C-alpha atoms as a PDB file:
ATOM      1  CA  UNK A   1     110.655 100.181  45.851  1.00  0.00           C
ATOM      2  CA  UNK A   2     108.256  98.017  43.433  1.00  0.00           C
ATOM      3  CA  UNK A   3     108.333  97.717  39.905  1.00  0.00           C
ATOM      4  CA  UNK A   4     104.392  99.214  39.779  1.00  0.00           C
ATOM      5  CA  UNK A   5     105.595 102.073  41.814  1.00  0.00           C
ATOM      6  CA  UNK A   6     105.601 105.786  40.151  1.00  0.00           C
ATOM      7  CA  UNK A   7     109.024 107.417  41.266  1.00  0.00           C
ATOM      8  CA  UNK A   8     108.996 109.684  44.059  1.00  0.00           C
ATOM      9  CA  UNK A   9     110.504 112.770  42.136  1.00  0.00           C
ATOM     10  CA  UNK A  10     106.757 112.468  39.687  1.00  0.00           C
ATOM     11  CA  UNK A  11     104.497 111.835  42.534  1.00  0.00           C
ATOM     12  CA  UNK A  12     103.196 115.680  43.394  1.00  0.00           C
ATOM     13  CA  UNK A  13     101.991 114.903  46.225  1.00  0.00           C
ATOM     14  CA  UNK A  14     105.679 113.093  47.789  1.00  0.00           C
ATOM     15  CA  UNK A  15     107.184 116.378  46.283  1.00  0.00           C
ATOM     16  CA  UNK A  16     109.753 118.156  49.057  1.00  0.00           C
ATOM     17  CA  UNK A  17     108.760 122.234  48.899  1.00  0.00           C
ATOM     18  CA  UNK A  18     112.013 123.252  47.104  1.00  0.00           C
ATOM     19  CA  UNK A  19     111.000 121.178  44.656  1.00  0.00           C
ATOM     20  CA  UNK A  20     106.855 122.155  44.744  1.00  0.00           C
ATOM     21  CA  UNK A  21     109.013 125.501  44.299  1.00  0.00           C
ATOM     22  CA  UNK A  22     111.002 125.299  41.187  1.00  0.00           C
ATOM     23  CA  UNK A  23     107.347 122.985  39.435  1.00  0.00           C
ATOM     24  CA  UNK A  24     105.647 126.446  40.172  1.00  0.00           C
ATOM     25  CA  UNK A  25     108.429 128.339  39.320  1.00  0.00           C
ATOM     26  CA  UNK A  26     108.339 126.618  35.912  1.00  0.00           C
ATOM     27  CA  UNK A  27     104.869 126.848  35.449  1.00  0.00           C
ATOM     28  CA  UNK A  28     105.098 130.634  36.345  1.00  0.00           C
ATOM     29  CA  UNK A  29     107.552 130.713  33.294  1.00  0.00           C
ATOM     30  CA  UNK A  30     105.731 128.986  30.854  1.00  0.00           C
ATOM     31  CA  UNK A  31     102.491 131.330  31.507  1.00  0.00           C
ATOM     32  CA  UNK A  32     104.516 134.226  30.781  1.00  0.00           C
ATOM     33  CA  UNK A  33     104.695 133.354  27.603  1.00  0.00           C
ATOM     34  CA  UNK A  34     106.615 131.654  24.524  1.00  0.00           C
ATOM     35  CA  UNK A  35     110.136 133.230  23.388  1.00  0.00           C
ATOM     36  CA  UNK A  36     112.993 131.097  23.172  1.00  0.00           C
ATOM     37  CA  UNK A  37     114.728 132.392  26.445  1.00  0.00           C
ATOM     38  CA  UNK A  38     112.222 131.804  28.727  1.00  0.00           C
ATOM     39  CA  UNK A  39     112.370 128.480  27.180  1.00  0.00           C
ATOM     40  CA  UNK A  40     116.004 127.750  28.148  1.00  0.00           C
ATOM     41  CA  UNK A  41     114.653 129.195  31.587  1.00  0.00           C
ATOM     42  CA  UNK A  42     113.025 126.119  31.789  1.00  0.00           C
ATOM     43  CA  UNK A  43     115.233 123.513  30.602  1.00  0.00           C
ATOM     44  CA  UNK A  44     117.408 124.963  33.516  1.00  0.00           C
ATOM     45  CA  UNK A  45     114.717 125.173  35.809  1.00  0.00           C
ATOM     46  CA  UNK A  46     113.828 121.431  34.869  1.00  0.00           C
ATOM     47  CA  UNK A  47     117.621 120.621  35.238  1.00  0.00           C
ATOM     48  CA  UNK A  48     117.427 122.333  38.566  1.00  0.00           C
ATOM     49  CA  UNK A  49     114.304 120.524  39.729  1.00  0.00           C
ATOM     50  CA  UNK A  50     116.051 117.015  38.713  1.00  0.00           C
ATOM     51  CA  UNK A  51     119.311 118.248  40.621  1.00  0.00           C
ATOM     52  CA  UNK A  52     116.671 118.262  43.922  1.00  0.00           C
ATOM     53  CA  UNK A  53     115.144 115.090  43.583  1.00  0.00           C
ATOM     54  CA  UNK A  54     118.561 113.490  43.123  1.00  0.00           C
ATOM     55  CA  UNK A  55     119.777 114.774  47.105  1.00  0.00           C
ATOM     56  CA  UNK A  56     115.901 114.174  48.142  1.00  0.00           C
ATOM     57  CA  UNK A  57     116.535 110.526  47.042  1.00  0.00           C
ATOM     58  CA  UNK A  58     119.975 110.203  48.179  1.00  0.00           C
ATOM     59  CA  UNK A  59     118.854 111.204  51.770  1.00  0.00           C
ATOM     60  CA  UNK A  60     115.854 108.745  51.513  1.00  0.00           C
ATOM     61  CA  UNK A  61     118.221 105.497  50.858  1.00  0.00           C
ATOM     62  CA  UNK A  62     121.020 107.138  52.768  1.00  0.00           C
ATOM     63  CA  UNK A  63     117.856 107.322  55.940  1.00  0.00           C
ATOM     64  CA  UNK A  64     116.933 103.606  54.456  1.00  0.00           C
ATOM     65  CA  UNK A  65     120.802 102.470  54.465  1.00  0.00           C
ATOM     66  CA  UNK A  66     122.610 104.757  57.571  1.00  0.00           C
ATOM     67  CA  UNK A  67     126.059 102.233  56.685  1.00  0.00           C
ATOM     68  CA  UNK A  68     126.337 103.854  53.172  1.00  0.00           C
ATOM     69  CA  UNK A  69     126.391 107.448  54.123  1.00  0.00           C
ATOM     70  CA  UNK A  70     129.419 107.946  52.282  1.00  0.00           C
ATOM     71  CA  UNK A  71     128.073 106.927  48.904  1.00  0.00           C
ATOM     72  CA  UNK A  72     127.276 109.748  46.821  1.00  0.00           C
ATOM     73  CA  UNK A  73     128.481 112.883  49.006  1.00  0.00           C
ATOM     74  CA  UNK A  74     131.302 114.838  46.558  1.00  0.00           C
END
């Protein structure tokens, strides 16, 4: 990755369907109104989006470096 390149996870055109669905869910919850429970829901969705992005990025690395398949697996 080049130093000036934006990370894949923040480029809308590179999101996976799962990442895009979570992004849409965040938008829908934010549009529902203003309440502490909705804020908590948005935070949880953002955490989920980060976990999915971590997984996708790890899969990209594994594809790029097949010898590193065991790295990051639990």
